[in-house]
Amino acid sequence: MDLKSINTEYENIILSNYSVDKKAQLLAELMSKIEGQFSIPMLKN
């Protein structure tokens, strides 16, 4: 997964007609992918 595909997935989620809860779930999943791919530490709080 490269930054361009991450950005595309992000834009698709934000511009979708999903409910706020569904968007939050999908964005959380995307963030988990990014954290794993780029070794970003998880937030502590």
N, C-alpha and C. Protein backbone atom coordinates (compact mmCIF):
# COMPACT_ATOMS: atom_id res chain seq x y z
N MET A 1 0.86 -1.17 0.00
CA MET A 1 0.00 0.00 0.00
C MET A 1 0.90 1.23 0.00
N ASP A 2 0.72 2.08 -0.99
CA ASP A 2 1.51 3.31 -1.05
C ASP A 2 0.65 4.50 -0.63
N LEU A 3 1.28 5.66 -0.52
CA LEU A 3 0.55 6.83 -0.04
C LEU A 3 -0.59 7.24 -0.97
N LYS A 4 -0.40 7.04 -2.26
CA LYS A 4 -1.46 7.40 -3.21
C LYS A 4 -2.69 6.54 -2.99
N SER A 5 -2.51 5.24 -2.79
CA SER A 5 -3.67 4.37 -2.57
C SER A 5 -4.33 4.65 -1.22
N ILE A 6 -3.52 5.00 -0.22
CA ILE A 6 -4.07 5.38 1.08
C ILE A 6 -4.93 6.62 0.94
N ASN A 7 -4.42 7.61 0.21
CA ASN A 7 -5.17 8.85 0.01
C ASN A 7 -6.47 8.58 -0.75
N THR A 8 -6.40 7.73 -1.75
CA THR A 8 -7.60 7.38 -2.53
C THR A 8 -8.63 6.71 -1.64
N GLU A 9 -8.19 5.77 -0.81
CA GLU A 9 -9.12 5.09 0.08
C GLU A 9 -9.73 6.07 1.08
N TYR A 10 -8.90 6.97 1.61
CA TYR A 10 -9.37 8.00 2.55
C TYR A 10 -10.44 8.87 1.88
N GLU A 11 -10.15 9.37 0.69
CA GLU A 11 -11.10 10.22 -0.02
C GLU A 11 -12.40 9.49 -0.30
N ASN A 12 -12.31 8.21 -0.68
CA ASN A 12 -13.51 7.43 -0.95
C ASN A 12 -14.38 7.30 0.30
N ILE A 13 -13.75 7.12 1.43
CA ILE A 13 -14.50 7.01 2.69
C ILE A 13 -15.16 8.33 3.03
N ILE A 14 -14.38 9.41 2.99
CA ILE A 14 -14.90 10.73 3.37
C ILE A 14 -16.04 11.17 2.46
N LEU A 15 -15.92 10.91 1.18
CA LEU A 15 -16.94 11.37 0.23
C LEU A 15 -18.10 10.40 0.06
N SER A 16 -18.06 9.28 0.75
CA SER A 16 -19.12 8.28 0.62
C SER A 16 -20.41 8.72 1.31
N ASN A 17 -21.45 7.96 1.08
CA ASN A 17 -22.74 8.22 1.71
C ASN A 17 -22.95 7.37 2.96
N TYR A 18 -21.87 6.77 3.47
CA TYR A 18 -21.97 5.97 4.68
C TYR A 18 -22.36 6.83 5.86
N SER A 19 -22.93 6.19 6.87
CA SER A 19 -23.26 6.90 8.11
C SER A 19 -21.96 7.33 8.80
N VAL A 20 -22.09 8.24 9.74
CA VAL A 20 -20.92 8.72 10.49
C VAL A 20 -20.24 7.56 11.21
N ASP A 21 -21.03 6.67 11.79
CA ASP A 21 -20.46 5.52 12.50
C ASP A 21 -19.68 4.61 11.56
N LYS A 22 -20.23 4.35 10.37
CA LYS A 22 -19.55 3.49 9.40
C LYS A 22 -18.25 4.14 8.92
N LYS A 23 -18.30 5.46 8.67
CA LYS A 23 -17.09 6.18 8.27
C LYS A 23 -16.02 6.08 9.35
N ALA A 24 -16.43 6.25 10.60
CA ALA A 24 -15.48 6.16 11.71
C ALA A 24 -14.83 4.77 11.77
N GLN A 25 -15.64 3.75 11.55
CA GLN A 25 -15.12 2.38 11.56
C GLN A 25 -14.12 2.17 10.42
N LEU A 26 -14.48 2.61 9.22
CA LEU A 26 -13.60 2.44 8.07
C LEU A 26 -12.31 3.25 8.21
N LEU A 27 -12.41 4.46 8.76
CA LEU A 27 -11.22 5.27 8.97
C LEU A 27 -10.31 4.67 10.03
N ALA A 28 -10.90 4.07 11.06
CA ALA A 28 -10.10 3.39 12.09
C ALA A 28 -9.36 2.20 11.48
N GLU A 29 -10.03 1.45 10.62
CA GLU A 29 -9.39 0.33 9.95
C GLU A 29 -8.25 0.80 9.05
N LEU A 30 -8.48 1.90 8.34
CA LEU A 30 -7.44 2.47 7.49
C LEU A 30 -6.24 2.92 8.32
N MET A 31 -6.51 3.56 9.45
CA MET A 31 -5.42 3.99 10.33
C MET A 31 -4.62 2.81 10.84
N SER A 32 -5.29 1.72 11.16
CA SER A 32 -4.58 0.52 11.61
C SER A 32 -3.66 -0.02 10.52
N LYS A 33 -4.14 0.00 9.27
CA LYS A 33 -3.31 -0.43 8.15
C LYS A 33 -2.08 0.46 8.03
N ILE A 34 -2.30 1.78 8.14
CA ILE A 34 -1.20 2.74 8.01
C ILE A 34 -0.18 2.54 9.13
N GLU A 35 -0.67 2.36 10.35
CA GLU A 35 0.23 2.14 11.49
C GLU A 35 1.10 0.91 11.27
N GLY A 36 0.52 -0.17 10.77
CA GLY A 36 1.27 -1.39 10.52
C GLY A 36 2.25 -1.24 9.36
N GLN A 37 1.80 -0.61 8.30
CA GLN A 37 2.62 -0.46 7.09
C GLN A 37 3.84 0.42 7.32
N PHE A 38 3.65 1.52 8.04
CA PHE A 38 4.71 2.50 8.20
C PHE A 38 5.30 2.53 9.60
N SER A 39 4.98 1.52 10.42
CA SER A 39 5.50 1.39 11.79
C SER A 39 5.29 2.66 12.61
N ILE A 40 4.07 3.18 12.53
CA ILE A 40 3.70 4.35 13.32
C ILE A 40 3.17 3.85 14.66
N PRO A 41 3.71 4.37 15.77
CA PRO A 41 3.22 3.92 17.08
C PRO A 41 1.77 4.35 17.31
N MET A 42 1.02 3.50 18.00
CA MET A 42 -0.37 3.83 18.30
C MET A 42 -0.42 4.95 19.33
N LEU A 43 -1.51 5.71 19.29
CA LEU A 43 -1.70 6.78 20.27
C LEU A 43 -1.91 6.18 21.64
N LYS A 44 -1.41 6.86 22.65
CA LYS A 44 -1.51 6.33 24.01
C LYS A 44 -2.81 6.73 24.70
N ASN A 45 -3.50 7.75 24.23
CA ASN A 45 -4.76 8.15 24.86
C ASN A 45 -5.84 8.44 23.87
